[in-house]
Amino acid sequence: MKKVLSAIGLIFLLNAGIAAAQQPPASARTTANPAAGTIEPNAIRDAAMRVVIAIDAGQAAKLWDEASTVTKKSVARDAFVAGINKGRQPLGKIATRNWLSVRRQFGDGQALPSGLYASAEFLAEPAGKAPVRELVSFRLDEDGTWRFAGYAVQP
């Protein structure tokens, strides 16, 4: 259980009002001006949607492979995949999914590793089950590229 929590611990910090941003698998890229810290909210939302679609398709390992260096340093690949699968698999097929918010936050190095983060939150309605919230987070890495930082499911 501790491995699962550490695998997605960064996401819980982000969900507490802190946020994140990235470059998910292959087609999910965001645009930003790293110098100014500007983020196009629709790009974050769209990239996050591509991430949840990849998770729906069982591609959590691929997401970790392309994740932020902060994510890779904080959790091993197998623990990350197990944590995502544990949160997502019980939901089954998602009947509908709608975005709720897009946020950004600067990590101060204490509660969250230093850097610029962005996240998108969705309301997902699994077929025949209660709705849940999904949070997809991204981080602007040192090379100026937004990369996937994490995913969490919450009631």
C-alpha atoms as a PDB file:
ATOM      1  CA  MET A   1       0.000   0.000   0.000  1.00  0.00           C
ATOM      2  CA  LYS A   2       2.834   2.397   0.822  1.00  0.00           C
ATOM      3  CA  LYS A   3       4.284   1.900  -2.675  1.00  0.00           C
ATOM      4  CA  VAL A   4       0.925   2.792  -4.237  1.00  0.00           C
ATOM      5  CA  LEU A   5       0.680   5.937  -2.141  1.00  0.00           C
ATOM      6  CA  SER A   6       4.202   6.992  -2.990  1.00  0.00           C
ATOM      7  CA  ALA A   7       3.522   6.238  -6.641  1.00  0.00           C
ATOM      8  CA  ILE A   8       0.845   8.838  -6.795  1.00  0.00           C
ATOM      9  CA  GLY A   9       1.789  10.956  -3.786  1.00  0.00           C
ATOM     10  CA  LEU A  10       2.868  13.831  -6.001  1.00  0.00           C
ATOM     11  CA  ILE A  11      -0.630  13.899  -7.439  1.00  0.00           C
ATOM     12  CA  PHE A  12      -2.265  14.163  -4.046  1.00  0.00           C
ATOM     13  CA  LEU A  13      -0.110  17.192  -3.320  1.00  0.00           C
ATOM     14  CA  LEU A  14      -1.147  18.667  -6.622  1.00  0.00           C
ATOM     15  CA  ASN A  15      -4.819  18.008  -5.979  1.00  0.00           C
ATOM     16  CA  ALA A  16      -4.656  19.905  -2.714  1.00  0.00           C
ATOM     17  CA  GLY A  17      -4.822  23.063  -4.799  1.00  0.00           C
ATOM     18  CA  ILE A  18      -1.343  22.788  -6.259  1.00  0.00           C
ATOM     19  CA  ALA A  19      -1.224  21.893  -9.976  1.00  0.00           C
ATOM     20  CA  ALA A  20       0.849  20.396 -12.857  1.00  0.00           C
ATOM     21  CA  ALA A  21       1.593  20.179 -16.718  1.00  0.00           C
ATOM     22  CA  GLN A  22       3.269  17.909 -19.482  1.00  0.00           C
ATOM     23  CA  GLN A  23       3.760  16.111 -22.700  1.00  0.00           C
ATOM     24  CA  PRO A  24       1.808  12.837 -22.497  1.00  0.00           C
ATOM     25  CA  PRO A  25       2.301   9.971 -24.927  1.00  0.00           C
ATOM     26  CA  ALA A  26       3.141  10.803 -28.488  1.00  0.00           C
ATOM     27  CA  SER A  27       0.331  13.170 -29.453  1.00  0.00           C
ATOM     28  CA  ALA A  28      -0.304  15.075 -26.233  1.00  0.00           C
ATOM     29  CA  ARG A  29       1.769  18.242 -26.312  1.00  0.00           C
ATOM     30  CA  THR A  30       1.107  21.578 -24.713  1.00  0.00           C
ATOM     31  CA  THR A  31       2.184  25.039 -25.721  1.00  0.00           C
ATOM     32  CA  ALA A  32       3.612  27.495 -23.245  1.00  0.00           C
ATOM     33  CA  ASN A  33       6.048  30.337 -22.884  1.00  0.00           C
ATOM     34  CA  PRO A  34       8.358  29.016 -20.144  1.00  0.00           C
ATOM     35  CA  ALA A  35      10.031  32.378 -19.610  1.00  0.00           C
ATOM     36  CA  ALA A  36       6.750  34.096 -18.876  1.00  0.00           C
ATOM     37  CA  GLY A  37       5.150  31.031 -17.269  1.00  0.00           C
ATOM     38  CA  THR A  38       2.136  31.352 -19.535  1.00  0.00           C
ATOM     39  CA  ILE A  39       0.005  28.319 -20.196  1.00  0.00           C
ATOM     40  CA  GLU A  40      -2.771  27.883 -22.722  1.00  0.00           C
ATOM     41  CA  PRO A  41      -5.574  26.335 -20.605  1.00  0.00           C
ATOM     42  CA  ASN A  42      -7.184  24.597 -23.567  1.00  0.00           C
ATOM     43  CA  ALA A  43      -3.870  22.948 -24.441  1.00  0.00           C
ATOM     44  CA  ILE A  44      -3.571  21.622 -20.876  1.00  0.00           C
ATOM     45  CA  ARG A  45      -7.162  20.363 -20.968  1.00  0.00           C
ATOM     46  CA  ASP A  46      -6.634  18.680 -24.338  1.00  0.00           C
ATOM     47  CA  ALA A  47      -3.329  17.098 -23.300  1.00  0.00           C
ATOM     48  CA  ALA A  48      -4.964  15.842 -20.095  1.00  0.00           C
ATOM     49  CA  MET A  49      -7.805  14.340 -22.116  1.00  0.00           C
ATOM     50  CA  ARG A  50      -5.247  12.453 -24.193  1.00  0.00           C
ATOM     51  CA  VAL A  51      -3.680  11.189 -20.969  1.00  0.00           C
ATOM     52  CA  VAL A  52      -6.962   9.821 -19.578  1.00  0.00           C
ATOM     53  CA  ILE A  53      -7.675   8.184 -22.933  1.00  0.00           C
ATOM     54  CA  ALA A  54      -4.223   6.543 -22.759  1.00  0.00           C
ATOM     55  CA  ILE A  55      -4.988   5.392 -19.207  1.00  0.00           C
ATOM     56  CA  ASP A  56      -8.352   4.037 -20.387  1.00  0.00           C
ATOM     57  CA  ALA A  57      -6.396   2.043 -22.989  1.00  0.00           C
ATOM     58  CA  GLY A  58      -4.037   0.595 -20.360  1.00  0.00           C
ATOM     59  CA  GLN A  59      -0.990   2.675 -21.355  1.00  0.00           C
ATOM     60  CA  ALA A  60       0.147   3.798 -17.892  1.00  0.00           C
ATOM     61  CA  ALA A  61       3.652   2.392 -18.451  1.00  0.00           C
ATOM     62  CA  LYS A  62       4.024   4.469 -21.609  1.00  0.00           C
ATOM     63  CA  LEU A  63       2.972   7.562 -19.673  1.00  0.00           C
ATOM     64  CA  TRP A  64       5.654   6.912 -17.061  1.00  0.00           C
ATOM     65  CA  ASP A  65       8.244   6.442 -19.817  1.00  0.00           C
ATOM     66  CA  GLU A  66       7.521   9.980 -21.043  1.00  0.00           C
ATOM     67  CA  ALA A  67       6.914  11.494 -17.592  1.00  0.00           C
ATOM     68  CA  SER A  68       8.625  14.410 -15.898  1.00  0.00           C
ATOM     69  CA  THR A  69      11.985  13.769 -14.276  1.00  0.00           C
ATOM     70  CA  VAL A  70      10.397  14.715 -10.937  1.00  0.00           C
ATOM     71  CA  THR A  71       7.867  11.890 -11.304  1.00  0.00           C
ATOM     72  CA  LYS A  72      10.503   9.372 -12.350  1.00  0.00           C
ATOM     73  CA  LYS A  73      12.675  10.293  -9.352  1.00  0.00           C
ATOM     74  CA  SER A  74       9.776  10.011  -6.914  1.00  0.00           C
ATOM     75  CA  VAL A  75       8.341   6.632  -7.943  1.00  0.00           C
ATOM     76  CA  ALA A  76       9.515   3.476  -9.696  1.00  0.00           C
ATOM     77  CA  ARG A  77       7.836   2.587 -12.997  1.00  0.00           C
ATOM     78  CA  ASP A  78       6.177  -0.598 -11.672  1.00  0.00           C
ATOM     79  CA  ALA A  79       4.806   1.165  -8.585  1.00  0.00           C
ATOM     80  CA  PHE A  80       3.528   4.032 -10.728  1.00  0.00           C
ATOM     81  CA  VAL A  81       1.722   1.673 -13.114  1.00  0.00           C
ATOM     82  CA  ALA A  82       0.288  -0.345 -10.214  1.00  0.00           C
ATOM     83  CA  GLY A  83      -0.968   2.821  -8.520  1.00  0.00           C
ATOM     84  CA  ILE A  84      -2.692   4.097 -11.637  1.00  0.00           C
ATOM     85  CA  ASN A  85      -4.212   0.693 -12.381  1.00  0.00           C
ATOM     86  CA  LYS A  86      -5.446   0.321  -8.801  1.00  0.00           C
ATOM     87  CA  GLY A  87      -7.253   3.663  -9.009  1.00  0.00           C
ATOM     88  CA  ARG A  88      -8.594   3.297 -12.529  1.00  0.00           C
ATOM     89  CA  GLN A  89      -9.492  -0.363 -13.122  1.00  0.00           C
ATOM     90  CA  PRO A  90     -12.390  -0.572 -10.623  1.00  0.00           C
ATOM     91  CA  LEU A  91     -14.199   2.130 -12.584  1.00  0.00           C
ATOM     92  CA  GLY A  92     -14.581   0.057 -15.723  1.00  0.00           C
ATOM     93  CA  LYS A  93     -15.800   1.802 -18.863  1.00  0.00           C
ATOM     94  CA  ILE A  94     -16.303   5.551 -18.545  1.00  0.00           C
ATOM     95  CA  ALA A  95     -19.714   6.548 -19.936  1.00  0.00           C
ATOM     96  CA  THR A  96     -19.024  10.296 -19.909  1.00  0.00           C
ATOM     97  CA  ARG A  97     -16.151  12.563 -18.962  1.00  0.00           C
ATOM     98  CA  ASN A  98     -16.279  16.364 -18.697  1.00  0.00           C
ATOM     99  CA  TRP A  99     -13.565  18.781 -17.676  1.00  0.00           C
ATOM    100  CA  LEU A 100     -14.107  20.789 -14.505  1.00  0.00           C
ATOM    101  CA  SER A 101     -11.036  22.963 -14.165  1.00  0.00           C
ATOM    102  CA  VAL A 102      -7.537  23.805 -15.318  1.00  0.00           C
ATOM    103  CA  ARG A 103      -5.081  25.169 -12.752  1.00  0.00           C
ATOM    104  CA  ARG A 104      -1.455  26.171 -12.444  1.00  0.00           C
ATOM    105  CA  GLN A 105       0.878  26.449  -9.491  1.00  0.00           C
ATOM    106  CA  PHE A 106       4.498  27.165  -8.739  1.00  0.00           C
ATOM    107  CA  GLY A 107       6.160  24.525  -6.566  1.00  0.00           C
ATOM    108  CA  ASP A 108       8.199  26.110  -3.788  1.00  0.00           C
ATOM    109  CA  GLY A 109      10.447  23.114  -3.222  1.00  0.00           C
ATOM    110  CA  GLN A 110       8.814  22.269   0.105  1.00  0.00           C
ATOM    111  CA  ALA A 111       5.296  20.891  -0.364  1.00  0.00           C
ATOM    112  CA  LEU A 112       5.995  20.311  -4.039  1.00  0.00           C
ATOM    113  CA  PRO A 113       9.294  20.117  -5.918  1.00  0.00           C
ATOM    114  CA  SER A 114      10.321  23.475  -7.360  1.00  0.00           C
ATOM    115  CA  GLY A 115       8.875  24.302 -10.754  1.00  0.00           C
ATOM    116  CA  LEU A 116       5.791  25.284 -12.691  1.00  0.00           C
ATOM    117  CA  TYR A 117       2.881  22.839 -12.683  1.00  0.00           C
ATOM    118  CA  ALA A 118      -0.532  22.687 -14.343  1.00  0.00           C
ATOM    119  CA  SER A 119      -3.412  20.269 -13.967  1.00  0.00           C
ATOM    120  CA  ALA A 120      -6.785  19.483 -15.430  1.00  0.00           C
ATOM    121  CA  GLU A 121      -9.617  17.969 -13.448  1.00  0.00           C
ATOM    122  CA  PHE A 122     -12.400  15.892 -14.991  1.00  0.00           C
ATOM    123  CA  LEU A 123     -15.705  14.548 -13.727  1.00  0.00           C
ATOM    124  CA  ALA A 124     -15.861  10.961 -14.986  1.00  0.00           C
ATOM    125  CA  GLU A 125     -19.051   8.944 -14.864  1.00  0.00           C
ATOM    126  CA  PRO A 126     -18.393   5.215 -15.056  1.00  0.00           C
ATOM    127  CA  ALA A 127     -21.243   3.144 -16.458  1.00  0.00           C
ATOM    128  CA  GLY A 128     -23.557   2.232 -13.573  1.00  0.00           C
ATOM    129  CA  LYS A 129     -21.304   3.720 -10.871  1.00  0.00           C
ATOM    130  CA  ALA A 130     -21.006   6.941  -8.914  1.00  0.00           C
ATOM    131  CA  PRO A 131     -19.098   9.800 -10.598  1.00  0.00           C
ATOM    132  CA  VAL A 132     -15.444  10.318  -9.676  1.00  0.00           C
ATOM    133  CA  ARG A 133     -12.928  13.090 -10.207  1.00  0.00           C
ATOM    134  CA  GLU A 134      -9.786  12.502 -12.220  1.00  0.00           C
ATOM    135  CA  LEU A 135      -6.789  14.786 -11.886  1.00  0.00           C
ATOM    136  CA  VAL A 136      -4.079  14.837 -14.556  1.00  0.00           C
ATOM    137  CA  SER A 137      -0.937  16.771 -13.739  1.00  0.00           C
ATOM    138  CA  PHE A 138       1.953  18.137 -15.776  1.00  0.00           C
ATOM    139  CA  ARG A 139       5.274  19.820 -14.975  1.00  0.00           C
ATOM    140  CA  LEU A 140       7.395  22.232 -16.968  1.00  0.00           C
ATOM    141  CA  ASP A 141      10.744  20.439 -16.874  1.00  0.00           C
ATOM    142  CA  GLU A 142      14.114  22.160 -16.881  1.00  0.00           C
ATOM    143  CA  ASP A 143      14.441  21.715 -20.656  1.00  0.00           C
ATOM    144  CA  GLY A 144      11.304  23.841 -21.213  1.00  0.00           C
ATOM    145  CA  THR A 145       9.072  20.861 -22.102  1.00  0.00           C
ATOM    146  CA  TRP A 146       5.763  20.174 -20.385  1.00  0.00           C
ATOM    147  CA  ARG A 147       5.656  16.538 -19.295  1.00  0.00           C
ATOM    148  CA  PHE A 148       3.156  14.257 -17.608  1.00  0.00           C
ATOM    149  CA  ALA A 149       3.567  14.319 -13.829  1.00  0.00           C
ATOM    150  CA  GLY A 150       0.723  12.137 -12.567  1.00  0.00           C
ATOM    151  CA  TYR A 151      -2.866  10.946 -12.398  1.00  0.00           C
ATOM    152  CA  ALA A 152      -5.267  10.338  -9.534  1.00  0.00           C
ATOM    153  CA  VAL A 153      -8.873   9.213  -9.113  1.00  0.00           C
ATOM    154  CA  GLN A 154     -10.935  10.577  -6.238  1.00  0.00           C
ATOM    155  CA  PRO A 155     -14.539  10.002  -5.149  1.00  0.00           C
END
